[in-house]
Structure formats: C-alpha cells, structure tokens
Protein backbone atom coordinates (compact mmCIF):
# COMPACT_ATOMS: atom_id res chain seq x y z
CA UNK A 1 -14.21 26.31 0.01
CA UNK A 2 -13.91 26.68 3.79
CA UNK A 3 -10.38 25.48 4.40
CA UNK A 4 -10.65 25.18 8.18
CA UNK A 5 -13.90 23.20 8.10
CA UNK A 6 -12.59 20.82 5.45
CA UNK A 7 -9.26 20.34 7.24
CA UNK A 8 -11.01 19.56 10.51
CA UNK A 9 -13.35 17.11 8.83
CA UNK A 10 -10.41 15.39 7.14
CA UNK A 11 -8.36 15.28 10.35
CA UNK A 12 -11.18 13.97 12.52
CA UNK A 13 -12.10 11.29 10.00
CA UNK A 14 -8.49 10.15 9.59
CA UNK A 15 -7.87 9.96 13.34
CA UNK A 16 -11.09 8.01 13.80
CA UNK A 17 -10.11 5.51 11.09
CA UNK A 18 -6.53 5.20 12.36
CA UNK A 19 -7.78 4.18 15.82
CA UNK A 20 -9.61 1.17 14.33
CA UNK A 21 -7.37 -1.90 14.20
CA UNK A 22 -7.52 -3.46 10.73
CA UNK A 23 -4.26 -5.32 10.11
CA UNK A 24 -4.26 -7.99 7.44
CA UNK A 25 -2.42 -11.31 7.85
CA UNK A 26 -0.20 -12.58 5.04
CA UNK A 27 -0.01 -16.28 6.00
CA UNK A 28 -3.80 -16.44 6.27
CA UNK A 29 -4.19 -14.55 2.99
CA UNK A 30 -1.70 -16.85 1.27
CA UNK A 31 -3.74 -19.84 2.48
CA UNK A 32 -6.85 -18.47 0.74
CA UNK A 33 -8.65 -16.77 3.65
CA UNK A 34 -10.17 -13.52 2.39
CA UNK A 35 -10.34 -11.07 3.99
CA UNK A 36 -7.50 -12.47 6.04
CA UNK A 37 -8.74 -10.94 9.33
CA UNK A 38 -12.17 -10.32 10.84
CA UNK A 39 -11.27 -6.77 11.87
CA UNK A 40 -11.21 -5.84 8.17
CA UNK A 41 -14.81 -6.97 7.90
CA UNK A 42 -15.73 -4.64 10.74
CA UNK A 43 -14.15 -1.57 9.19
CA UNK A 44 -15.69 -2.41 5.80
CA UNK A 45 -19.15 -2.53 7.37
CA UNK A 46 -18.51 0.76 9.17
CA UNK A 47 -17.34 2.42 5.94
CA UNK A 48 -20.41 1.28 4.03
CA UNK A 49 -22.67 2.62 6.79
CA UNK A 50 -20.83 5.95 6.91
CA UNK A 51 -21.14 6.42 3.15
CA UNK A 52 -24.89 5.79 3.38
CA UNK A 53 -25.14 8.28 6.24
CA UNK A 54 -23.62 10.94 3.98
CA UNK A 55 -26.59 10.54 1.65
CA UNK A 56 -25.02 8.22 -0.91
CA UNK A 57 -27.71 5.79 -2.05
CA UNK A 58 -25.60 3.54 -4.29
CA UNK A 59 -23.42 1.68 -1.76
CA UNK A 60 -22.50 -2.01 -2.05
CA UNK A 61 -20.75 -4.19 0.52
CA UNK A 62 -19.98 -7.31 -1.48
CA UNK A 63 -19.51 -10.83 -0.01
CA UNK A 64 -15.71 -10.39 -0.01
CA UNK A 65 -16.00 -7.08 1.87
CA UNK A 66 -15.11 -4.72 -0.92
CA UNK A 67 -17.02 -1.47 -0.49
CA UNK A 68 -18.21 0.15 -3.72
CA UNK A 69 -20.06 3.47 -3.76
CA UNK A 70 -21.07 5.91 -6.47
CA UNK A 71 -21.73 9.63 -6.42
CA UNK A 72 -24.13 10.54 -9.25
CA UNK A 73 -23.27 13.33 -11.66
CA UNK A 74 -24.54 16.82 -11.02
CA UNK A 75 -27.43 17.85 -13.33
CA UNK A 76 -26.24 18.40 -16.88
CA UNK A 77 -23.10 16.27 -16.49
CA UNK A 78 -24.66 12.83 -16.60
CA UNK A 79 -22.90 12.03 -19.88
CA UNK A 80 -19.43 12.86 -18.55
CA UNK A 81 -17.22 9.77 -18.27
CA UNK A 82 -17.12 8.07 -14.90
CA UNK A 83 -13.81 7.74 -13.09
CA UNK A 84 -12.90 5.84 -9.94
CA UNK A 85 -10.95 6.41 -6.75
CA UNK A 86 -9.57 3.52 -4.73
CA UNK A 87 -7.94 3.04 -1.31
CA UNK A 88 -7.34 0.09 0.98
CA UNK A 89 -8.43 -0.07 4.60
CA UNK A 90 -6.10 -2.80 5.87
CA UNK A 91 -2.81 -1.91 7.53
CA UNK A 92 0.57 -3.64 7.43
CA UNK A 93 1.86 -6.43 9.67
CA UNK A 94 5.39 -5.03 9.99
CA UNK A 95 4.66 -3.29 13.30
CA UNK A 96 1.89 -3.67 15.89
CA UNK A 97 -1.38 -2.29 14.55
CA UNK A 98 -4.04 -2.80 17.22
CA UNK A 99 -5.06 -0.19 19.77
CA UNK A 100 -3.57 2.67 17.74
CA UNK A 101 -3.52 5.95 19.68
CA UNK A 102 -3.09 8.80 17.18
CA UNK A 103 -1.22 11.83 18.51
CA UNK A 104 -1.89 15.28 17.02
CA UNK A 105 0.98 17.77 17.09
CA UNK A 106 -0.55 21.09 16.03
CA UNK A 107 1.67 23.83 14.60
CA UNK A 108 4.69 21.58 15.03
CA UNK A 109 7.68 23.72 16.03
CA UNK A 110 10.42 21.58 14.50
CA UNK A 111 11.60 19.95 17.72
CA UNK A 112 12.07 16.13 17.70
CA UNK A 113 8.81 14.33 18.41
CA UNK A 114 9.43 11.81 21.20
CA UNK A 115 7.35 8.64 21.21
CA UNK A 116 7.08 5.73 23.63
CA UNK A 117 9.66 2.96 23.58
CA UNK A 118 12.52 5.30 22.72
CA UNK A 119 11.22 6.02 19.21
CA UNK A 120 11.41 9.57 17.85
CA UNK A 121 10.85 11.61 14.72
CA UNK A 122 13.84 13.88 14.30
CA UNK A 123 13.86 16.48 11.50
CA UNK A 124 17.67 16.36 11.54
CA UNK A 125 17.40 12.86 10.05
CA UNK A 126 14.33 13.45 7.88
CA UNK A 127 14.44 16.31 5.35
CA UNK A 128 10.78 15.80 4.40
CA UNK A 129 9.69 16.12 8.03
CA UNK A 130 11.98 19.14 8.40
CA UNK A 131 10.13 20.84 5.53
CA UNK A 132 6.83 20.47 7.45
CA UNK A 133 7.56 22.91 10.29
CA UNK A 134 4.34 24.65 11.27
CA UNK A 135 2.19 21.79 9.99
CA UNK A 136 -0.14 19.66 12.05
CA UNK A 137 1.72 16.35 12.31
CA UNK A 138 -0.11 13.14 13.21
CA UNK A 139 1.79 10.18 14.67
CA UNK A 140 1.07 7.09 16.75
CA UNK A 141 2.25 7.00 20.36
CA UNK A 142 5.17 4.77 19.34
CA UNK A 143 3.67 1.46 20.45
CA UNK A 144 2.06 0.84 17.05
CA UNK A 145 2.15 1.99 13.47
CA UNK A 146 -0.19 4.88 12.57
CA UNK A 147 -2.06 3.46 9.59
CA UNK A 148 -1.77 6.43 7.25
CA UNK A 149 -1.10 3.67 4.71
CA UNK A 150 -3.80 3.82 3.58
CA UNK A 151 -6.34 5.33 5.93
CA UNK A 152 -5.16 8.76 4.83
CA UNK A 153 -6.37 7.80 1.35
CA UNK A 154 -9.65 6.39 2.67
CA UNK A 155 -10.25 9.57 4.67
CA UNK A 156 -9.47 11.72 1.65
CA UNK A 157 -11.93 9.92 -0.62
CA UNK A 158 -14.76 9.88 1.95
CA UNK A 159 -14.20 13.57 2.76
CA UNK A 160 -14.35 14.31 -0.98
CA UNK A 161 -17.71 12.54 -1.12
CA UNK A 162 -18.95 14.53 1.88
CA UNK A 163 -17.83 17.79 0.25
CA UNK A 164 -19.38 17.11 -3.16
CA UNK A 165 -22.71 16.09 -1.63
CA UNK A 166 -22.75 19.26 0.50
CA UNK A 167 -21.80 21.45 -2.48
CA UNK A 168 -23.99 20.57 -5.48
CA UNK A 169 -22.78 23.74 -7.18
CA UNK A 170 -19.45 21.97 -7.85
CA UNK A 171 -19.99 20.36 -11.25
CA UNK A 172 -18.79 16.81 -11.75
CA UNK A 173 -19.61 13.63 -13.64
CA UNK A 174 -20.26 10.22 -12.04
CA UNK A 175 -17.62 9.15 -9.52
CA UNK A 176 -16.99 5.61 -8.33
CA UNK A 177 -15.28 4.69 -5.06
CA UNK A 178 -13.65 1.36 -4.24
CA UNK A 179 -12.36 0.44 -0.78
CA UNK A 180 -10.52 -2.87 -0.52
CA UNK A 181 -9.12 -5.34 2.03
CA UNK A 182 -5.77 -7.16 2.06
CA UNK A 183 -3.72 -4.82 -0.11
CA UNK A 184 -0.79 -5.23 2.26
CA UNK A 185 -0.74 -9.00 1.71
CA UNK A 186 -0.62 -8.59 -2.08
CA UNK A 187 -4.10 -10.12 -2.39
CA UNK A 188 -6.12 -6.91 -2.47
CA UNK A 189 -7.49 -7.40 -5.98
CA UNK A 190 -7.80 -11.19 -5.91
CA UNK A 191 -11.60 -11.06 -5.63
CA UNK A 192 -12.39 -7.53 -6.82
CA UNK A 193 -15.86 -7.56 -8.44
CA UNK A 194 -14.84 -6.19 -11.85
CA UNK A 195 -18.37 -6.80 -13.10
CA UNK A 196 -19.62 -4.15 -10.66
CA UNK A 197 -17.12 -1.47 -11.71
CA UNK A 198 -18.26 0.88 -14.44
CA UNK A 199 -15.28 3.28 -14.69
CA UNK A 200 -12.65 2.76 -17.38
CA UNK A 201 -10.03 4.64 -15.35
CA UNK A 202 -9.22 4.68 -11.64
CA UNK A 203 -6.76 6.40 -9.33
CA UNK A 204 -5.38 4.76 -6.21
CA UNK A 205 -5.02 7.31 -3.41
CA UNK A 206 -2.15 5.50 -1.72
CA UNK A 207 1.02 7.54 -2.21
CA UNK A 208 3.26 9.56 0.08
CA UNK A 209 4.91 12.96 -0.24
CA UNK A 210 2.75 15.83 -1.48
CA UNK A 211 3.01 16.25 -5.23
CA UNK A 212 4.25 12.73 -5.97
CA UNK A 213 2.32 11.01 -8.75
CA UNK A 214 3.21 7.46 -9.68
CA UNK A 215 2.73 5.58 -12.94
CA UNK A 216 5.31 2.82 -12.58
CA UNK A 217 6.09 0.22 -9.95
CA UNK A 218 8.11 -2.91 -9.40
CA UNK A 219 7.52 -6.22 -11.08
CA UNK A 220 6.97 -8.38 -8.01
CA UNK A 221 7.40 -12.09 -7.34
CA UNK A 222 7.42 -14.15 -4.20
CA UNK A 223 9.76 -17.13 -3.89
CA UNK A 224 9.18 -19.78 -1.24
CA UNK A 225 12.23 -21.99 -0.79
CA UNK A 226 11.78 -25.23 1.13
CA UNK A 227 14.73 -27.10 2.62
CA UNK A 228 14.51 -30.77 3.57
CA UNK A 229 17.14 -32.12 5.93
CA UNK A 230 17.85 -35.39 7.71
CA UNK A 231 17.22 -35.42 11.44
CA UNK A 232 19.48 -37.31 13.83
CA UNK A 233 20.54 -37.08 17.46
CA UNK A 234 22.99 -34.20 17.63
CA UNK A 235 25.45 -36.30 19.65
CA UNK A 236 25.81 -38.74 16.76
CA UNK A 237 25.31 -36.39 13.84
CA UNK A 238 28.73 -36.29 12.20
CA UNK A 239 28.55 -37.15 8.53
CA UNK A 240 24.92 -38.20 8.78
CA UNK A 241 22.69 -35.32 9.86
CA UNK A 242 21.63 -32.62 7.36
CA UNK A 243 20.37 -29.52 9.16
CA UNK A 244 17.61 -27.76 7.22
CA UNK A 245 17.96 -24.68 9.44
CA UNK A 246 21.60 -24.40 8.42
CA UNK A 247 20.62 -24.85 4.77
CA UNK A 248 18.06 -22.05 4.97
CA UNK A 249 20.49 -19.77 6.79
CA UNK A 250 23.22 -20.43 4.22
CA UNK A 251 20.80 -19.70 1.40
CA UNK A 252 19.75 -16.33 2.84
CA UNK A 253 23.38 -15.45 3.56
CA UNK A 254 24.27 -16.16 -0.09
CA UNK A 255 21.86 -13.52 -1.43
CA UNK A 256 23.69 -10.49 -2.90
CA UNK A 257 24.08 -8.07 0.01
CA UNK A 258 24.38 -5.11 -2.35
CA UNK A 259 20.95 -5.96 -3.76
CA UNK A 260 18.97 -5.88 -0.53
CA UNK A 261 16.23 -3.37 0.36
CA UNK A 262 18.64 -1.76 2.82
CA UNK A 263 21.21 -1.11 0.07
CA UNK A 264 19.03 0.07 -2.82
CA UNK A 265 16.80 2.96 -3.84
CA UNK A 266 15.48 4.62 -7.01
CA UNK A 267 15.24 2.14 -9.85
CA UNK A 268 17.39 -0.56 -8.23
CA UNK A 269 15.62 -3.83 -7.47
CA UNK A 270 16.33 -6.25 -4.64
CA UNK A 271 16.05 -9.63 -2.96
CA UNK A 272 14.21 -9.29 0.39
CA UNK A 273 14.14 -12.19 2.88
CA UNK A 274 10.76 -11.80 4.57
CA UNK A 275 10.58 -14.89 6.74
CA UNK A 276 12.71 -17.87 7.75
CA UNK A 277 11.51 -20.71 9.94
CA UNK A 278 11.91 -24.42 10.51
CA UNK A 279 13.65 -27.26 12.27
CA UNK A 280 16.47 -29.69 11.54
CA UNK A 281 14.26 -31.78 9.29
CA UNK A 282 12.39 -29.04 7.45
CA UNK A 283 12.84 -25.29 6.98
CA UNK A 284 11.45 -22.57 4.74
CA UNK A 285 12.58 -19.14 3.60
CA UNK A 286 10.28 -16.63 1.88
CA UNK A 287 11.71 -13.96 -0.41
CA UNK A 288 10.24 -10.95 -2.14
CA UNK A 289 11.89 -10.29 -5.50
CA UNK A 290 11.52 -6.80 -6.96
CA UNK A 291 12.70 -5.25 -10.23
CA UNK A 292 11.35 -2.51 -12.50
CA UNK A 293 12.61 -4.33 -15.58
CA UNK A 294 11.22 -7.70 -16.73
CA UNK A 295 14.66 -8.88 -17.89
CA UNK A 296 16.03 -7.93 -14.48
CA UNK A 297 13.29 -9.95 -12.81
CA UNK A 298 14.10 -12.96 -14.98
CA UNK A 299 17.70 -12.66 -13.81
CA UNK A 300 16.59 -12.60 -10.17
CA UNK A 301 14.38 -15.65 -10.59
CA UNK A 302 17.24 -17.52 -12.24
CA UNK A 303 19.62 -16.46 -9.45
CA UNK A 304 17.28 -17.93 -6.82
CA UNK A 305 17.26 -21.24 -8.72
CA UNK A 306 21.06 -21.26 -9.01
CA UNK A 307 21.54 -20.50 -5.31
CA UNK A 308 19.05 -23.21 -4.37
CA UNK A 309 20.99 -25.79 -6.39
CA UNK A 310 24.25 -24.58 -4.85
CA UNK A 311 22.89 -25.08 -1.34
CA UNK A 312 21.65 -28.56 -2.26
CA UNK A 313 25.15 -29.42 -3.51
CA UNK A 314 26.76 -27.96 -0.39
CA UNK A 315 24.60 -30.13 1.93
CA UNK A 316 24.73 -33.68 0.47
CA UNK A 317 21.54 -35.57 1.21
CA UNK A 318 19.49 -32.40 1.65
CA UNK A 319 16.86 -31.26 -0.81
CA UNK A 320 15.83 -27.76 -1.91
CA UNK A 321 12.71 -26.80 -3.85
CA UNK A 322 11.57 -23.39 -5.10
CA UNK A 323 8.00 -22.22 -5.57
CA UNK A 324 7.45 -18.97 -7.48
CA UNK A 325 4.35 -16.76 -7.34
CA UNK A 326 3.86 -13.60 -9.40
CA UNK A 327 2.36 -10.83 -7.24
CA UNK A 328 2.01 -7.87 -9.62
CA UNK A 329 3.59 -6.32 -12.71
CA UNK A 330 4.95 -2.88 -13.54
CA UNK A 331 2.00 -0.76 -14.68
CA UNK A 332 4.07 1.72 -16.71
CA UNK A 333 3.53 0.26 -20.18
CA UNK A 334 -0.26 0.21 -19.90
CA UNK A 335 -0.44 3.66 -18.31
CA UNK A 336 1.83 5.08 -21.03
CA UNK A 337 -0.80 3.88 -23.52
CA UNK A 338 -3.47 6.01 -21.80
CA UNK A 339 -1.70 9.37 -21.20
CA UNK A 340 -4.93 11.33 -20.82
CA UNK A 341 -5.54 9.74 -17.40
CA UNK A 342 -2.31 11.10 -15.97
CA UNK A 343 -2.84 14.42 -17.80
CA UNK A 344 -6.11 14.99 -15.95
CA UNK A 345 -4.41 14.25 -12.63
CA UNK A 346 -1.54 16.64 -13.36
CA UNK A 347 -4.01 19.36 -14.36
CA UNK A 348 -6.03 18.79 -11.18
CA UNK A 349 -2.95 19.14 -8.98
CA UNK A 350 -1.91 22.29 -10.86
CA UNK A 351 -5.38 23.76 -10.35
CA UNK A 352 -4.98 22.99 -6.64
CA UNK A 353 -1.67 24.87 -6.65
CA UNK A 354 0.48 21.78 -6.04
CA UNK A 355 3.67 21.20 -8.08
CA UNK A 356 3.96 17.58 -9.13
CA UNK A 357 6.64 15.14 -10.16
CA UNK A 358 6.61 11.51 -11.21
CA UNK A 359 8.23 9.04 -8.88
CA UNK A 360 8.59 5.25 -9.22
CA UNK A 361 6.77 3.21 -6.58
CA UNK A 362 9.25 1.00 -4.75
CA UNK A 363 6.43 -1.41 -4.07
CA UNK A 364 3.00 -1.88 -5.54
CA UNK A 365 -0.59 -0.82 -5.07
CA UNK A 366 -4.01 -2.19 -5.86
CA UNK A 367 -3.66 0.08 -8.89
CA UNK A 368 -0.87 -2.14 -10.19
CA UNK A 369 -3.29 -5.06 -10.28
CA UNK A 370 -6.21 -3.00 -11.63
CA UNK A 371 -3.99 -1.74 -14.45
CA UNK A 372 -2.97 -5.31 -15.22
CA UNK A 373 -6.69 -6.22 -15.32
CA UNK A 374 -7.39 -3.52 -17.92
CA UNK A 375 -8.33 -0.48 -15.81
CA UNK A 376 -5.45 2.04 -15.98
CA UNK A 377 -4.82 3.27 -12.42
CA UNK A 378 -2.03 5.73 -11.51
CA UNK A 379 -1.30 6.56 -7.88
CA UNK A 380 -1.92 9.83 -5.99
CA UNK A 381 -0.07 11.18 -2.94
CA UNK A 382 -1.73 11.22 0.50
CA UNK A 383 0.73 13.08 2.75
CA UNK A 384 1.71 9.97 4.75
CA UNK A 385 5.32 8.99 5.50
CA UNK A 386 7.50 6.27 7.09
CA UNK A 387 4.91 3.63 6.27
CA UNK A 388 4.85 0.26 8.06
CA UNK A 389 6.72 1.58 11.10
CA UNK A 390 6.17 2.94 14.59
CA UNK A 391 7.54 6.28 13.36
CA UNK A 392 4.90 6.57 10.64
CA UNK A 393 3.54 10.12 10.38
CA UNK A 394 1.27 12.27 8.27
CA UNK A 395 1.04 15.99 7.59
CA UNK A 396 -2.48 17.42 7.72
CA UNK A 397 -1.47 20.16 5.30
CA UNK A 398 -0.22 17.58 2.78
CA UNK A 399 -3.36 15.50 3.31
CA UNK A 400 -5.38 18.62 2.58
CA UNK A 401 -3.38 19.04 -0.63
CA UNK A 402 -4.52 15.53 -1.54
CA UNK A 403 -8.15 16.48 -0.88
CA UNK A 404 -7.94 19.68 -2.94
CA UNK A 405 -6.39 17.68 -5.79
CA UNK A 406 -9.25 15.16 -5.66
CA UNK A 407 -11.82 17.98 -5.76
CA UNK A 408 -10.13 19.46 -8.82
CA UNK A 409 -9.89 15.99 -10.38
CA UNK A 410 -13.66 15.64 -10.13
CA UNK A 411 -14.01 18.93 -11.98
CA UNK A 412 -11.47 17.93 -14.66
CA UNK A 413 -13.39 14.76 -15.48
CA UNK A 414 -16.54 16.81 -16.09
CA UNK A 415 -14.86 18.93 -18.78
C-alpha cells in the first residue's frame, strides 16, 4: 500500500468534491421536492460518471438521483456475503455552501488558523484540533462551510473503489455503494430503491473523530406549531388584537432552557427551535425534538402539547395547533441484534491500527433510516469536525485512517 499515493488521491478527490456546491433545502424537501435542489442532481451525475471511469460496470443513477454501484468479488470470493457502504453528497443549510474554496494547511504547526470574516480555528479551544499538530488540515476560507459532512465519506468510498480495482490481489467479496441526496433535510432515505440493494448489512461513512464508531442515535421528531391570531390596527388593538408573533415568541421562550442543544451533551436530549416566522395574524415555529430514550421522547411530545395549550390560554381568542412528524428512530436495538456487523468493523479498524470506541450520535444518519427499514447500518468515522459551520475542518491523516479501515473491512467480509 503506497501511503503517499493513496493520501494524495484521497485529498485531491475530497477537495474536488468540496468545491462543488450541493446544499439541500429543507422547506423544499418538506414540501415533497426530491432531490430538494438541482445542484444535487449535478453532483449525482458526476459521481456516476466518475465511478464508470474507474472501470466499474455496474453503476445505476436512479430517477431520484441515488447512485448505486457494485464492485464484483475477486475470483474465488464470489460466494462471500455482500456488504454496503453509504454516504450522502448533500451539504447542510446552516452556513453558506456555494462557491466553497477549500484551504489546505500542510504539516499544520499548531498556530491558530485564521479564516475570512474573523473566523478562526484555535487549538486552545479545540482539544481534538490540538491533537492534530503536524497533520494536513483542510478548511474552507471562512465564507462557507467545508462540506466534509459528508463529502469526506464520499471521497473515502470512491477512493476505496479506485484502490480495489487497481489492486486485484486484495481479496474481497462483492461490495455495494450507495450515495444519496437530502440526508441533511432528514429525507435522505425517503425514496431509496430498496429493491435494488442486495446487501443485508451496510455501513454509513458519515462520522467524525478518528476511531469513533456509532451504533445508537437519537429518536427524532419534528414539531410544527402554528399560531393563529386576530389582526387589528395597532392603534386600536387594546383588548381586541391577538398577536401571533407574540404567541410564537412566548412559546419558544417557554421551552426548558436547560434542555436546549446549547446546554446538553452525551445522552441528554433537547428541544431545538429551528425556525420562527409569521405576522400578527399567523405565525409558525418549527422544533426538532431529540431523545435517546423512547419514554423520554414521549415526555417531550407531551410537553410540546402542554405548552401549546398554555399559550392558547394565555392569549384569549388565539389558536394553537401542533403537527408532529417522526424523522428517525434510535438504531441501537436493531444493531444490538446483529452484533457480527459491528464486530467486523471493530476488527477492520484494529487491523488498520486504529483504536476504536463507541459513541452515541447526537443526530442521525441515513443509516438510522436504513436500520429501521431492516438493513442494519452502523456509522464509521471520516475525520471531519465542526460540521455545519464555517469553521468546519478535516484532518487528512484521520481521513486516511478511515480509508485504511474501509480497505480492511473489505478483507474482513471475505473471510
């Protein structure tokens, strides 16, 4: 294995992908548009063409712009079980994502990395970054996010394919690859062509810190709370006008402050106001509800209902309605029932010389949905950090650890 050649291939591919704008759009996705943006269609087409150019004959770009590709088994390993690798090519909406300009900081010396707009990556405030002195660090220029979530995973899987095709002496069984749109909107698996997937186990390559493996995630619901007020001229409003904006603001302010994303970590869930908009007559607040425990989620759903009724009582004449939507469920129970899938991943990382530990995902992945659909899918680290922000960064050395783990995983599934 030529480390320098593989690292350069991985770096160049990741930087090329990161420069392609492919943000998804949650309101459009929620309205049923899929993929939610045309730029995702463009990157899907480019991915399919690149996979074909590597010599992979079995490549499908389906009508919903999922890309599915298969690497056939090496001779003598045709009967080995197939496994799948998955990554998403859309990026988040939480920071600008078009016209990304990746910056490569080779042999980083540990000094703060200054970005445009006053943003900086300072190892004094980031122990994980501090541990990466001497690494090649990739960032944006500060005007956008980077897109390591999840283009680091996409680059890792495609580079694995390139490596295995160039090295037929590396024995492996059949390998399936799935690249998906709209993961960031929560709709990534809404139209996945399950009938085209042959593998009974998958791995999402969509994690963070090197060595982190993930088999559990939040239970996730979205709550859309609509407030109906009574409009009237503000000069004659006393005792008659009901301001829906005030209702929505009061509702958000009544959420438990100690159970917000800013105040929780580990296994603690939260209420996250994502959007609030409206006018005197009509307003809407959107919440994300997260909890690892189903009973805890039931409590959160009930709390939203109670707070909605309290706001309605506080603003006589106003109306409040709540719409709930389940987004994904904790995958732990189903993955615990298939321990051999995680065991192969842990063995692969050990063979690559990477110590591992299990960490709960404070979010979800396409693997959460795939597991729910009957295909157990744990999550693998990628070496990306500070996702969804202008200070997002990735370590090439950690990304290379991901790639080595995937190579060893291919070998483990042939045993």
